[in-house]
């Protein structure tokens, strides 16, 4: 059971967390509302309640657009040119009706290519 004081000074009782969550979702409760904390016998801002934080965090994530900057810094953003893409090596050719290669065949093909390119030595 939750005792909540709305901004207008009106006290409202919500019998369960589900009812409190529904009120937050409907917009009945905003950050100016207060909730009574029985253990300390005092009124606290609704913003300290975990369910309110969870709902407001989800709402902010939905309403926030893309960030204007790509990096959080006081320095200006440096433009770095992307390296030229390497030529693609042809992968295994699949003929219609053939099964895709197994993981062992894929790993074996990768090691053969690395050996041909000189990254692996054969002793």
PDB file of N, CA and C in Angstrom:
ATOM      1  N   UNK A   1       0.839  -1.164   0.000  1.00  0.00           N
ATOM      2  CA  UNK A   1       0.000   0.000   0.000  1.00  0.00           C
ATOM      3  C   UNK A   1       0.894   1.240   0.000  1.00  0.00           C
ATOM      4  N   UNK A   2       0.619   2.181  -0.917  1.00  0.00           N
ATOM      5  CA  UNK A   2       1.433   3.379  -1.066  1.00  0.00           C
ATOM      6  C   UNK A   2       0.563   4.614  -0.854  1.00  0.00           C
ATOM      7  N   UNK A   3       0.993   5.489   0.049  1.00  0.00           N
ATOM      8  CA  UNK A   3       0.334   6.761   0.276  1.00  0.00           C
ATOM      9  C   UNK A   3       1.135   7.828  -0.451  1.00  0.00           C
ATOM     10  N   UNK A   4       0.492   8.491  -1.407  1.00  0.00           N
ATOM     11  CA  UNK A   4       1.178   9.457  -2.257  1.00  0.00           C
ATOM     12  C   UNK A   4       0.469  10.796  -2.142  1.00  0.00           C
ATOM     13  N   UNK A   5       1.262  11.856  -2.006  1.00  0.00           N
ATOM     14  CA  UNK A   5       0.718  13.207  -1.981  1.00  0.00           C
ATOM     15  C   UNK A   5       1.006  13.845  -3.339  1.00  0.00           C
ATOM     16  N   UNK A   6      -0.072  14.223  -4.031  1.00  0.00           N
ATOM     17  CA  UNK A   6       0.082  14.858  -5.329  1.00  0.00           C
ATOM     18  C   UNK A   6       0.493  16.304  -5.141  1.00  0.00           C
ATOM     19  N   UNK A   7       0.869  16.967  -6.215  1.00  0.00           N
ATOM     20  CA  UNK A   7       1.329  18.346  -6.127  1.00  0.00           C
ATOM     21  C   UNK A   7       0.241  19.278  -5.615  1.00  0.00           C
ATOM     22  N   UNK A   8      -1.030  18.918  -5.794  1.00  0.00           N
ATOM     23  CA  UNK A   8      -2.128  19.766  -5.361  1.00  0.00           C
ATOM     24  C   UNK A   8      -2.391  19.658  -3.861  1.00  0.00           C
ATOM     25  N   UNK A   9      -1.675  18.781  -3.158  1.00  0.00           N
ATOM     26  CA  UNK A   9      -1.877  18.581  -1.735  1.00  0.00           C
ATOM     27  C   UNK A   9      -2.872  17.482  -1.437  1.00  0.00           C
ATOM     28  N   UNK A  10      -3.383  16.837  -2.448  1.00  0.00           N
ATOM     29  CA  UNK A  10      -4.347  15.756  -2.293  1.00  0.00           C
ATOM     30  C   UNK A  10      -3.612  14.446  -2.050  1.00  0.00           C
ATOM     31  N   UNK A  11      -4.039  13.696  -1.026  1.00  0.00           N
ATOM     32  CA  UNK A  11      -3.436  12.395  -0.724  1.00  0.00           C
ATOM     33  C   UNK A  11      -4.196  11.302  -1.467  1.00  0.00           C
ATOM     34  N   UNK A  12      -3.454  10.368  -2.037  1.00  0.00           N
ATOM     35  CA  UNK A  12      -4.030   9.255  -2.776  1.00  0.00           C
ATOM     36  C   UNK A  12      -3.373   7.974  -2.296  1.00  0.00           C
ATOM     37  N   UNK A  13      -4.154   6.917  -2.185  1.00  0.00           N
ATOM     38  CA  UNK A  13      -3.632   5.622  -1.769  1.00  0.00           C
ATOM     39  C   UNK A  13      -3.654   4.682  -2.968  1.00  0.00           C
ATOM     40  N   UNK A  14      -2.526   4.042  -3.219  1.00  0.00           N
ATOM     41  CA  UNK A  14      -2.425   3.030  -4.265  1.00  0.00           C
ATOM     42  C   UNK A  14      -2.221   1.694  -3.564  1.00  0.00           C
ATOM     43  N   UNK A  15      -3.126   0.725  -3.788  1.00  0.00           N
ATOM     44  CA  UNK A  15      -3.081  -0.526  -3.027  1.00  0.00           C
ATOM     45  C   UNK A  15      -1.927  -1.456  -3.386  1.00  0.00           C
ATOM     46  N   UNK A  16      -1.339  -1.287  -4.562  1.00  0.00           N
ATOM     47  CA  UNK A  16      -0.276  -2.206  -4.966  1.00  0.00           C
ATOM     48  C   UNK A  16       0.730  -1.489  -5.857  1.00  0.00           C
ATOM     49  N   UNK A  17       1.839  -2.184  -6.115  1.00  0.00           N
ATOM     50  CA  UNK A  17       2.854  -1.652  -7.015  1.00  0.00           C
ATOM     51  C   UNK A  17       2.307  -1.538  -8.429  1.00  0.00           C
ATOM     52  N   UNK A  18       1.432  -2.455  -8.816  1.00  0.00           N
ATOM     53  CA  UNK A  18       0.834  -2.414 -10.147  1.00  0.00           C
ATOM     54  C   UNK A  18       0.010  -1.142 -10.321  1.00  0.00           C
ATOM     55  N   UNK A  19      -0.765  -0.788  -9.287  1.00  0.00           N
ATOM     56  CA  UNK A  19      -1.582   0.430  -9.358  1.00  0.00           C
ATOM     57  C   UNK A  19      -0.687   1.668  -9.393  1.00  0.00           C
ATOM     58  N   UNK A  20       0.395   1.671  -8.609  1.00  0.00           N
ATOM     59  CA  UNK A  20       1.327   2.801  -8.605  1.00  0.00           C
ATOM     60  C   UNK A  20       1.998   2.938  -9.972  1.00  0.00           C
ATOM     61  N   UNK A  21       2.412   1.821 -10.556  1.00  0.00           N
ATOM     62  CA  UNK A  21       3.042   1.839 -11.874  1.00  0.00           C
ATOM     63  C   UNK A  21       2.072   2.348 -12.932  1.00  0.00           C
ATOM     64  N   UNK A  22       0.830   1.923 -12.856  1.00  0.00           N
ATOM     65  CA  UNK A  22      -0.173   2.383 -13.816  1.00  0.00           C
ATOM     66  C   UNK A  22      -0.391   3.892 -13.689  1.00  0.00           C
ATOM     67  N   UNK A  23      -0.385   4.422 -12.469  1.00  0.00           N
ATOM     68  CA  UNK A  23      -0.550   5.864 -12.262  1.00  0.00           C
ATOM     69  C   UNK A  23       0.639   6.634 -12.832  1.00  0.00           C
ATOM     70  N   UNK A  24       1.825   6.092 -12.666  1.00  0.00           N
ATOM     71  CA  UNK A  24       3.020   6.734 -13.226  1.00  0.00           C
ATOM     72  C   UNK A  24       2.933   6.730 -14.743  1.00  0.00           C
ATOM     73  N   UNK A  25       2.514   5.591 -15.319  1.00  0.00           N
ATOM     74  CA  UNK A  25       2.416   5.465 -16.764  1.00  0.00           C
ATOM     75  C   UNK A  25       1.361   6.414 -17.336  1.00  0.00           C
ATOM     76  N   UNK A  26       0.241   6.585 -16.609  1.00  0.00           N
ATOM     77  CA  UNK A  26      -0.817   7.483 -17.073  1.00  0.00           C
ATOM     78  C   UNK A  26      -0.438   8.948 -16.927  1.00  0.00           C
ATOM     79  N   UNK A  27       0.597   9.232 -16.139  1.00  0.00           N
ATOM     80  CA  UNK A  27       1.027  10.613 -15.961  1.00  0.00           C
ATOM     81  C   UNK A  27       0.385  11.291 -14.770  1.00  0.00           C
ATOM     82  N   UNK A  28      -0.302  10.540 -13.903  1.00  0.00           N
ATOM     83  CA  UNK A  28      -0.906  11.121 -12.709  1.00  0.00           C
ATOM     84  C   UNK A  28       0.153  11.591 -11.724  1.00  0.00           C
ATOM     85  N   UNK A  29       1.292  10.892 -11.711  1.00  0.00           N
ATOM     86  CA  UNK A  29       2.373  11.229 -10.783  1.00  0.00           C
ATOM     87  C   UNK A  29       3.543  11.798 -11.576  1.00  0.00           C
ATOM     88  N   UNK A  30       4.024  12.940 -11.149  1.00  0.00           N
ATOM     89  CA  UNK A  30       5.215  13.497 -11.766  1.00  0.00           C
ATOM     90  C   UNK A  30       6.260  13.713 -10.674  1.00  0.00           C
ATOM     91  N   UNK A  31       7.343  14.356 -11.003  1.00  0.00           N
ATOM     92  CA  UNK A  31       8.454  14.477 -10.051  1.00  0.00           C
ATOM     93  C   UNK A  31       8.139  15.385  -8.865  1.00  0.00           C
ATOM     94  N   UNK A  32       7.016  16.108  -8.889  1.00  0.00           N
ATOM     95  CA  UNK A  32       6.665  16.966  -7.752  1.00  0.00           C
ATOM     96  C   UNK A  32       5.898  16.216  -6.673  1.00  0.00           C
ATOM     97  N   UNK A  33       5.416  15.015  -6.960  1.00  0.00           N
ATOM     98  CA  UNK A  33       4.668  14.223  -5.982  1.00  0.00           C
ATOM     99  C   UNK A  33       5.602  13.702  -4.892  1.00  0.00           C
ATOM    100  N   UNK A  34       4.997  13.385  -3.734  1.00  0.00           N
ATOM    101  CA  UNK A  34       5.773  12.827  -2.623  1.00  0.00           C
ATOM    102  C   UNK A  34       5.117  11.531  -2.168  1.00  0.00           C
ATOM    103  N   UNK A  35       5.935  10.614  -1.660  1.00  0.00           N
ATOM    104  CA  UNK A  35       5.453   9.318  -1.181  1.00  0.00           C
ATOM    105  C   UNK A  35       5.826   9.184   0.289  1.00  0.00           C
ATOM    106  N   UNK A  36       4.918   8.576   1.082  1.00  0.00           N
ATOM    107  CA  UNK A  36       5.159   8.431   2.515  1.00  0.00           C
ATOM    108  C   UNK A  36       5.968   7.166   2.764  1.00  0.00           C
ATOM    109  N   UNK A  37       7.076   7.315   3.471  1.00  0.00           N
ATOM    110  CA  UNK A  37       7.940   6.186   3.808  1.00  0.00           C
ATOM    111  C   UNK A  37       7.644   5.797   5.248  1.00  0.00           C
ATOM    112  N   UNK A  38       7.033   4.621   5.432  1.00  0.00           N
ATOM    113  CA  UNK A  38       6.580   4.208   6.765  1.00  0.00           C
ATOM    114  C   UNK A  38       7.731   3.928   7.725  1.00  0.00           C
ATOM    115  N   UNK A  39       8.824   3.386   7.229  1.00  0.00           N
ATOM    116  CA  UNK A  39       9.927   3.015   8.122  1.00  0.00           C
ATOM    117  C   UNK A  39      10.554   4.242   8.791  1.00  0.00           C
ATOM    118  N   UNK A  40      10.654   5.347   8.065  1.00  0.00           N
ATOM    119  CA  UNK A  40      11.262   6.554   8.631  1.00  0.00           C
ATOM    120  C   UNK A  40      10.218   7.587   9.035  1.00  0.00           C
ATOM    121  N   UNK A  41       8.937   7.307   8.756  1.00  0.00           N
ATOM    122  CA  UNK A  41       7.826   8.207   9.090  1.00  0.00           C
ATOM    123  C   UNK A  41       8.030   9.600   8.524  1.00  0.00           C
ATOM    124  N   UNK A  42       8.358   9.661   7.232  1.00  0.00           N
ATOM    125  CA  UNK A  42       8.524  10.960   6.590  1.00  0.00           C
ATOM    126  C   UNK A  42       8.119  10.892   5.129  1.00  0.00           C
ATOM    127  N   UNK A  43       7.836  12.087   4.576  1.00  0.00           N
ATOM    128  CA  UNK A  43       7.481  12.208   3.173  1.00  0.00           C
ATOM    129  C   UNK A  43       8.760  12.361   2.353  1.00  0.00           C
ATOM    130  N   UNK A  44       8.875  11.564   1.318  1.00  0.00           N
ATOM    131  CA  UNK A  44      10.041  11.613   0.438  1.00  0.00           C
ATOM    132  C   UNK A  44       9.574  11.945  -0.977  1.00  0.00           C
ATOM    133  N   UNK A  45      10.446  12.526  -1.788  1.00  0.00           N
ATOM    134  CA  UNK A  45      10.060  12.760  -3.188  1.00  0.00           C
ATOM    135  C   UNK A  45       9.839  11.424  -3.900  1.00  0.00           C
ATOM    136  N   UNK A  46       8.872  11.399  -4.781  1.00  0.00           N
ATOM    137  CA  UNK A  46       8.554  10.163  -5.518  1.00  0.00           C
ATOM    138  C   UNK A  46       9.730   9.727  -6.379  1.00  0.00           C
ATOM    139  N   UNK A  47      10.634  10.646  -6.676  1.00  0.00           N
ATOM    140  CA  UNK A  47      11.772  10.321  -7.538  1.00  0.00           C
ATOM    141  C   UNK A  47      12.719   9.316  -6.905  1.00  0.00           C
ATOM    142  N   UNK A  48      12.619   9.092  -5.583  1.00  0.00           N
ATOM    143  CA  UNK A  48      13.498   8.102  -4.946  1.00  0.00           C
ATOM    144  C   UNK A  48      12.913   6.696  -5.030  1.00  0.00           C
ATOM    145  N   UNK A  49      11.650   6.585  -5.435  1.00  0.00           N
ATOM    146  CA  UNK A  49      11.035   5.258  -5.521  1.00  0.00           C
ATOM    147  C   UNK A  49      11.571   4.527  -6.745  1.00  0.00           C
ATOM    148  N   UNK A  50      12.004   3.262  -6.600  1.00  0.00           N
ATOM    149  CA  UNK A  50      12.612   2.528  -7.718  1.00  0.00           C
ATOM    150  C   UNK A  50      11.682   2.368  -8.922  1.00  0.00           C
ATOM    151  N   UNK A  51      10.393   2.175  -8.678  1.00  0.00           N
ATOM    152  CA  UNK A  51       9.461   1.998  -9.800  1.00  0.00           C
ATOM    153  C   UNK A  51       9.333   3.289 -10.605  1.00  0.00           C
ATOM    154  N   UNK A  52       9.334   4.438  -9.923  1.00  0.00           N
ATOM    155  CA  UNK A  52       9.268   5.725 -10.618  1.00  0.00           C
ATOM    156  C   UNK A  52      10.527   5.927 -11.453  1.00  0.00           C
ATOM    157  N   UNK A  53      11.682   5.610 -10.882  1.00  0.00           N
ATOM    158  CA  UNK A  53      12.945   5.736 -11.628  1.00  0.00           C
ATOM    159  C   UNK A  53      12.944   4.846 -12.858  1.00  0.00           C
ATOM    160  N   UNK A  54      12.473   3.618 -12.700  1.00  0.00           N
ATOM    161  CA  UNK A  54      12.459   2.672 -13.812  1.00  0.00           C
ATOM    162  C   UNK A  54      11.567   3.188 -14.937  1.00  0.00           C
ATOM    163  N   UNK A  55      10.376   3.667 -14.595  1.00  0.00           N
ATOM    164  CA  UNK A  55       9.448   4.163 -15.603  1.00  0.00           C
ATOM    165  C   UNK A  55       9.956   5.439 -16.259  1.00  0.00           C
ATOM    166  N   UNK A  56      10.507   6.357 -15.487  1.00  0.00           N
ATOM    167  CA  UNK A  56      11.001   7.607 -16.059  1.00  0.00           C
ATOM    168  C   UNK A  56      12.237   7.351 -16.925  1.00  0.00           C
ATOM    169  N   UNK A  57      13.077   6.405 -16.511  1.00  0.00           N
ATOM    170  CA  UNK A  57      14.245   6.051 -17.320  1.00  0.00           C
ATOM    171  C   UNK A  57      13.830   5.465 -18.652  1.00  0.00           C
ATOM    172  N   UNK A  58      12.808   4.608 -18.653  1.00  0.00           N
ATOM    173  CA  UNK A  58      12.313   4.019 -19.903  1.00  0.00           C
ATOM    174  C   UNK A  58      11.697   5.098 -20.779  1.00  0.00           C
ATOM    175  N   UNK A  59      10.983   6.039 -20.172  1.00  0.00           N
ATOM    176  CA  UNK A  59      10.363   7.120 -20.952  1.00  0.00           C
ATOM    177  C   UNK A  59      11.431   8.018 -21.565  1.00  0.00           C
ATOM    178  N   UNK A  60      12.496   8.318 -20.812  1.00  0.00           N
ATOM    179  CA  UNK A  60      13.565   9.171 -21.334  1.00  0.00           C
ATOM    180  C   UNK A  60      14.305   8.486 -22.482  1.00  0.00           C
ATOM    181  N   UNK A  61      14.510   7.178 -22.368  1.00  0.00           N
ATOM    182  CA  UNK A  61      15.194   6.456 -23.443  1.00  0.00           C
ATOM    183  C   UNK A  61      14.366   6.487 -24.721  1.00  0.00           C
ATOM    184  N   UNK A  62      13.021   6.399 -24.580  1.00  0.00           N
ATOM    185  CA  UNK A  62      12.168   6.414 -25.761  1.00  0.00           C
ATOM    186  C   UNK A  62      12.102   7.798 -26.386  1.00  0.00           C
ATOM    187  N   UNK A  63      12.104   8.842 -25.563  1.00  0.00           N
ATOM    188  CA  UNK A  63      11.924  10.188 -26.097  1.00  0.00           C
ATOM    189  C   UNK A  63      13.225  10.843 -26.509  1.00  0.00           C
ATOM    190  N   UNK A  64      14.346  10.377 -26.009  1.00  0.00           N
ATOM    191  CA  UNK A  64      15.597  11.026 -26.365  1.00  0.00           C
ATOM    192  C   UNK A  64      16.011  10.620 -27.776  1.00  0.00           C
ATOM    193  N   UNK A  65      16.420  11.598 -28.534  1.00  0.00           N
ATOM    194  CA  UNK A  65      16.837  11.355 -29.910  1.00  0.00           C
ATOM    195  C   UNK A  65      18.316  11.022 -29.948  1.00  0.00           C
ATOM    196  N   UNK A  66      18.880  10.971 -31.131  1.00  0.00           N
ATOM    197  CA  UNK A  66      20.306  10.681 -31.238  1.00  0.00           C
ATOM    198  C   UNK A  66      21.127  11.840 -30.682  1.00  0.00           C
ATOM    199  N   UNK A  67      22.264  11.515 -30.131  1.00  0.00           N
ATOM    200  CA  UNK A  67      23.132  12.529 -29.550  1.00  0.00           C
ATOM    201  C   UNK A  67      23.679  13.435 -30.647  1.00  0.00           C
ATOM    202  N   UNK A  68      23.825  14.708 -30.313  1.00  0.00           N
ATOM    203  CA  UNK A  68      24.323  15.663 -31.301  1.00  0.00           C
ATOM    204  C   UNK A  68      25.802  15.443 -31.579  1.00  0.00           C
ATOM    205  N   UNK A  69      26.525  14.940 -30.592  1.00  0.00           N
ATOM    206  CA  UNK A  69      27.955  14.707 -30.760  1.00  0.00           C
ATOM    207  C   UNK A  69      28.248  13.223 -30.734  1.00  0.00           C
ATOM    208  N   UNK A  70      29.346  12.880 -31.321  1.00  0.00           N
ATOM    209  CA  UNK A  70      29.740  11.480 -31.328  1.00  0.00           C
ATOM    210  C   UNK A  70      30.621  11.147 -30.143  1.00  0.00           C
ATOM    211  N   UNK A  71      31.285  12.139 -29.589  1.00  0.00           N
ATOM    212  CA  UNK A  71      32.185  11.919 -28.464  1.00  0.00           C
ATOM    213  C   UNK A  71      31.881  12.949 -27.395  1.00  0.00           C
ATOM    214  N   UNK A  72      32.076  12.584 -26.128  1.00  0.00           N
ATOM    215  CA  UNK A  72      31.923  13.526 -25.030  1.00  0.00           C
ATOM    216  C   UNK A  72      33.308  14.048 -24.696  1.00  0.00           C
ATOM    217  N   UNK A  73      33.587  15.246 -25.179  1.00  0.00           N
ATOM    218  CA  UNK A  73      34.899  15.820 -24.953  1.00  0.00           C
ATOM    219  C   UNK A  73      34.823  17.327 -25.090  1.00  0.00           C
ATOM    220  N   UNK A  74      35.791  18.028 -24.535  1.00  0.00           N
ATOM    221  CA  UNK A  74      35.866  19.467 -24.698  1.00  0.00           C
ATOM    222  C   UNK A  74      36.678  19.833 -25.941  1.00  0.00           C
ATOM    223  N   UNK A  75      37.406  18.873 -26.455  1.00  0.00           N
ATOM    224  CA  UNK A  75      38.215  19.113 -27.637  1.00  0.00           C
ATOM    225  C   UNK A  75      37.368  18.922 -28.879  1.00  0.00           C
ATOM    226  N   UNK A  76      37.778  19.562 -29.948  1.00  0.00           N
ATOM    227  CA  UNK A  76      37.041  19.401 -31.189  1.00  0.00           C
ATOM    228  C   UNK A  76      37.240  17.995 -31.736  1.00  0.00           C
ATOM    229  N   UNK A  77      36.245  17.546 -32.440  1.00  0.00           N
ATOM    230  CA  UNK A  77      36.304  16.207 -33.020  1.00  0.00           C
ATOM    231  C   UNK A  77      37.256  16.202 -34.205  1.00  0.00           C
ATOM    232  N   UNK A  78      38.169  15.266 -34.194  1.00  0.00           N
ATOM    233  CA  UNK A  78      39.115  15.145 -35.289  1.00  0.00           C
ATOM    234  C   UNK A  78      38.515  14.218 -36.342  1.00  0.00           C
ATOM    235  N   UNK A  79      38.718  14.575 -37.583  1.00  0.00           N
ATOM    236  CA  UNK A  79      38.242  13.711 -38.650  1.00  0.00           C
ATOM    237  C   UNK A  79      39.363  12.775 -39.058  1.00  0.00           C
ATOM    238  N   UNK A  80      39.083  11.523 -38.989  1.00  0.00           N
ATOM    239  CA  UNK A  80      40.059  10.499 -39.339  1.00  0.00           C
ATOM    240  C   UNK A  80      39.540   9.780 -40.569  1.00  0.00           C
ATOM    241  N   UNK A  81      40.385   9.724 -41.573  1.00  0.00           N
ATOM    242  CA  UNK A  81      39.973   9.033 -42.782  1.00  0.00           C
ATOM    243  C   UNK A  81      40.054   7.531 -42.568  1.00  0.00           C
ATOM    244  N   UNK A  82      39.058   6.866 -43.050  1.00  0.00           N
ATOM    245  CA  UNK A  82      39.024   5.413 -42.928  1.00  0.00           C
ATOM    246  C   UNK A  82      40.045   4.803 -43.889  1.00  0.00           C
ATOM    247  N   UNK A  83      40.734   3.741 -43.458  1.00  0.00           N
ATOM    248  CA  UNK A  83      41.687   3.096 -44.360  1.00  0.00           C
ATOM    249  C   UNK A  83      40.943   2.456 -45.529  1.00  0.00           C
ATOM    250  N   UNK A  84      41.642   2.363 -46.633  1.00  0.00           N
ATOM    251  CA  UNK A  84      41.050   1.759 -47.821  1.00  0.00           C
ATOM    252  C   UNK A  84      40.758   0.291 -47.551  1.00  0.00           C
ATOM    253  N   UNK A  85      39.595  -0.194 -47.972  1.00  0.00           N
ATOM    254  CA  UNK A  85      39.272  -1.600 -47.716  1.00  0.00           C
ATOM    255  C   UNK A  85      40.188  -2.523 -48.509  1.00  0.00           C
ATOM    256  N   UNK A  86      40.549  -3.614 -47.863  1.00  0.00           N
ATOM    257  CA  UNK A  86      41.396  -4.597 -48.524  1.00  0.00           C
ATOM    258  C   UNK A  86      40.565  -5.379 -49.533  1.00  0.00           C
ATOM    259  N   UNK A  87      41.199  -5.858 -50.569  1.00  0.00           N
ATOM    260  CA  UNK A  87      40.425  -6.632 -51.544  1.00  0.00           C
ATOM    261  C   UNK A  87      39.865  -7.891 -50.889  1.00  0.00           C
ATOM    262  N   UNK A  88      38.644  -8.181 -51.214  1.00  0.00           N
ATOM    263  CA  UNK A  88      37.974  -9.328 -50.614  1.00  0.00           C
ATOM    264  C   UNK A  88      38.521 -10.621 -51.191  1.00  0.00           C
ATOM    265  N   UNK A  89      38.740 -11.577 -50.293  1.00  0.00           N
ATOM    266  CA  UNK A  89      39.168 -12.890 -50.760  1.00  0.00           C
ATOM    267  C   UNK A  89      37.915 -13.716 -50.985  1.00  0.00           C
ATOM    268  N   UNK A  90      37.887 -14.442 -52.072  1.00  0.00           N
ATOM    269  CA  UNK A  90      36.674 -15.209 -52.349  1.00  0.00           C
ATOM    270  C   UNK A  90      36.485 -16.316 -51.328  1.00  0.00           C
ATOM    271  N   UNK A  91      35.279 -16.484 -50.882  1.00  0.00           N
ATOM    272  CA  UNK A  91      34.950 -17.532 -49.923  1.00  0.00           C
ATOM    273  C   UNK A  91      34.578 -18.798 -50.656  1.00  0.00           C
ATOM    274  N   UNK A  92      34.173 -19.808 -49.928  1.00  0.00           N
ATOM    275  CA  UNK A  92      33.774 -21.045 -50.576  1.00  0.00           C
ATOM    276  C   UNK A  92      32.524 -20.806 -51.424  1.00  0.00           C
ATOM    277  N   UNK A  93      32.528 -21.379 -52.592  1.00  0.00           N
ATOM    278  CA  UNK A  93      31.404 -21.224 -53.515  1.00  0.00           C
ATOM    279  C   UNK A  93      30.399 -22.320 -53.213  1.00  0.00           C
ATOM    280  N   UNK A  94      29.166 -21.905 -52.993  1.00  0.00           N
ATOM    281  CA  UNK A  94      28.114 -22.879 -52.718  1.00  0.00           C
ATOM    282  C   UNK A  94      27.323 -23.124 -53.996  1.00  0.00           C
ATOM    283  N   UNK A  95      27.208 -24.346 -54.340  1.00  0.00           N
ATOM    284  CA  UNK A  95      26.403 -24.728 -55.494  1.00  0.00           C
ATOM    285  C   UNK A  95      25.019 -25.062 -54.965  1.00  0.00           C
ATOM    286  N   UNK A  96      24.014 -24.692 -55.721  1.00  0.00           N
ATOM    287  CA  UNK A  96      22.651 -24.909 -55.259  1.00  0.00           C
ATOM    288  C   UNK A  96      22.446 -26.375 -54.917  1.00  0.00           C
ATOM    289  N   UNK A  97      21.933 -26.605 -53.738  1.00  0.00           N
ATOM    290  CA  UNK A  97      21.705 -27.972 -53.278  1.00  0.00           C
ATOM    291  C   UNK A  97      22.801 -28.458 -52.347  1.00  0.00           C
ATOM    292  N   UNK A  98      23.972 -27.782 -52.339  1.00  0.00           N
ATOM    293  CA  UNK A  98      25.043 -28.168 -51.427  1.00  0.00           C
ATOM    294  C   UNK A  98      24.760 -27.623 -50.029  1.00  0.00           C
ATOM    295  N   UNK A  99      25.264 -28.325 -49.041  1.00  0.00           N
ATOM    296  CA  UNK A  99      25.141 -27.864 -47.662  1.00  0.00           C
ATOM    297  C   UNK A  99      26.243 -26.840 -47.388  1.00  0.00           C
ATOM    298  N   UNK A 100      26.010 -25.885 -46.520  1.00  0.00           N
ATOM    299  CA  UNK A 100      27.070 -24.930 -46.186  1.00  0.00           C
ATOM    300  C   UNK A 100      28.218 -25.650 -45.489  1.00  0.00           C
ATOM    301  N   UNK A 101      29.424 -25.088 -45.544  1.00  0.00           N
ATOM    302  CA  UNK A 101      30.558 -25.772 -44.919  1.00  0.00           C
ATOM    303  C   UNK A 101      30.384 -25.849 -43.407  1.00  0.00           C
ATOM    304  N   UNK A 102      30.938 -26.907 -42.837  1.00  0.00           N
ATOM    305  CA  UNK A 102      30.886 -27.061 -41.388  1.00  0.00           C
ATOM    306  C   UNK A 102      31.886 -26.102 -40.758  1.00  0.00           C
ATOM    307  N   UNK A 103      31.841 -25.968 -39.452  1.00  0.00           N
ATOM    308  CA  UNK A 103      32.764 -25.052 -38.777  1.00  0.00           C
ATOM    309  C   UNK A 103      34.196 -25.546 -38.904  1.00  0.00           C
ATOM    310  N   UNK A 104      34.387 -26.854 -38.945  1.00  0.00           N
ATOM    311  CA  UNK A 104      35.742 -27.396 -39.097  1.00  0.00           C
ATOM    312  C   UNK A 104      36.322 -27.053 -40.463  1.00  0.00           C
ATOM    313  N   UNK A 105      35.484 -27.160 -41.492  1.00  0.00           N
ATOM    314  CA  UNK A 105      35.944 -26.803 -42.833  1.00  0.00           C
ATOM    315  C   UNK A 105      36.268 -25.312 -42.919  1.00  0.00           C
ATOM    316  N   UNK A 106      35.451 -24.482 -42.266  1.00  0.00           N
ATOM    317  CA  UNK A 106      35.693 -23.044 -42.273  1.00  0.00           C
ATOM    318  C   UNK A 106      36.989 -22.695 -41.568  1.00  0.00           C
ATOM    319  N   UNK A 107      37.248 -23.316 -40.413  1.00  0.00           N
ATOM    320  CA  UNK A 107      38.491 -23.060 -39.675  1.00  0.00           C
ATOM    321  C   UNK A 107      39.685 -23.561 -40.477  1.00  0.00           C
ATOM    322  N   UNK A 108      39.559 -24.731 -41.077  1.00  0.00           N
ATOM    323  CA  UNK A 108      40.659 -25.262 -41.887  1.00  0.00           C
ATOM    324  C   UNK A 108      40.975 -24.356 -43.067  1.00  0.00           C
ATOM    325  N   UNK A 109      39.954 -23.850 -43.742  1.00  0.00           N
ATOM    326  CA  UNK A 109      40.151 -22.945 -44.862  1.00  0.00           C
ATOM    327  C   UNK A 109      40.817 -21.651 -44.400  1.00  0.00           C
ATOM    328  N   UNK A 110      40.427 -21.162 -43.234  1.00  0.00           N
ATOM    329  CA  UNK A 110      41.031 -19.937 -42.687  1.00  0.00           C
ATOM    330  C   UNK A 110      42.511 -20.139 -42.411  1.00  0.00           C
ATOM    331  N   UNK A 111      42.873 -21.265 -41.805  1.00  0.00           N
ATOM    332  CA  UNK A 111      44.283 -21.529 -41.517  1.00  0.00           C
ATOM    333  C   UNK A 111      45.083 -21.703 -42.805  1.00  0.00           C
ATOM    334  N   UNK A 112      44.503 -22.345 -43.816  1.00  0.00           N
ATOM    335  CA  UNK A 112      45.201 -22.481 -45.094  1.00  0.00           C
ATOM    336  C   UNK A 112      45.469 -21.122 -45.721  1.00  0.00           C
ATOM    337  N   UNK A 113      44.503 -20.228 -45.652  1.00  0.00           N
ATOM    338  CA  UNK A 113      44.685 -18.884 -46.214  1.00  0.00           C
ATOM    339  C   UNK A 113      45.744 -18.105 -45.441  1.00  0.00           C
ATOM    340  N   UNK A 114      45.726 -18.219 -44.111  1.00  0.00           N
ATOM    341  CA  UNK A 114      46.733 -17.528 -43.299  1.00  0.00           C
ATOM    342  C   UNK A 114      48.127 -18.059 -43.608  1.00  0.00           C
ATOM    343  N   UNK A 115      48.250 -19.367 -43.840  1.00  0.00           N
ATOM    344  CA  UNK A 115      49.526 -19.960 -44.170  1.00  0.00           C
ATOM    345  C   UNK A 115      50.008 -19.468 -45.542  1.00  0.00           C
ATOM    346  N   UNK A 116      49.098 -19.375 -46.501  1.00  0.00           N
ATOM    347  CA  UNK A 116      49.449 -18.881 -47.830  1.00  0.00           C
ATOM    348  C   UNK A 116      49.868 -17.418 -47.796  1.00  0.00           C
ATOM    349  N   UNK A 117      49.237 -16.615 -46.952  1.00  0.00           N
ATOM    350  CA  UNK A 117      49.582 -15.200 -46.851  1.00  0.00           C
ATOM    351  C   UNK A 117      50.838 -14.949 -46.036  1.00  0.00           C
ATOM    352  N   UNK A 118      51.363 -15.969 -45.385  1.00  0.00           N
ATOM    353  CA  UNK A 118      52.621 -15.846 -44.636  1.00  0.00           C
ATOM    354  C   UNK A 118      52.442 -15.526 -43.165  1.00  0.00           C
ATOM    355  N   UNK A 119      51.210 -15.559 -42.658  1.00  0.00           N
ATOM    356  CA  UNK A 119      51.004 -15.282 -41.245  1.00  0.00           C
ATOM    357  C   UNK A 119      51.320 -16.489 -40.373  1.00  0.00           C
ATOM    358  N   UNK A 120      51.227 -17.684 -40.917  1.00  0.00           N
ATOM    359  CA  UNK A 120      51.551 -18.894 -40.173  1.00  0.00           C
ATOM    360  C   UNK A 120      52.726 -19.585 -40.834  1.00  0.00           C
ATOM    361  N   UNK A 121      53.604 -20.087 -40.031  1.00  0.00           N
ATOM    362  CA  UNK A 121      54.773 -20.803 -40.564  1.00  0.00           C
ATOM    363  C   UNK A 121      54.542 -22.299 -40.409  1.00  0.00           C
ATOM    364  N   UNK A 122      55.009 -23.034 -41.348  1.00  0.00           N
ATOM    365  CA  UNK A 122      54.978 -24.489 -41.250  1.00  0.00           C
ATOM    366  C   UNK A 122      56.375 -24.965 -40.897  1.00  0.00           C
ATOM    367  N   UNK A 123      56.490 -25.691 -39.813  1.00  0.00           N
ATOM    368  CA  UNK A 123      57.825 -26.135 -39.378  1.00  0.00           C
ATOM    369  C   UNK A 123      58.047 -27.554 -39.737  1.00  0.00           C
TER     370      UNK A 123
END
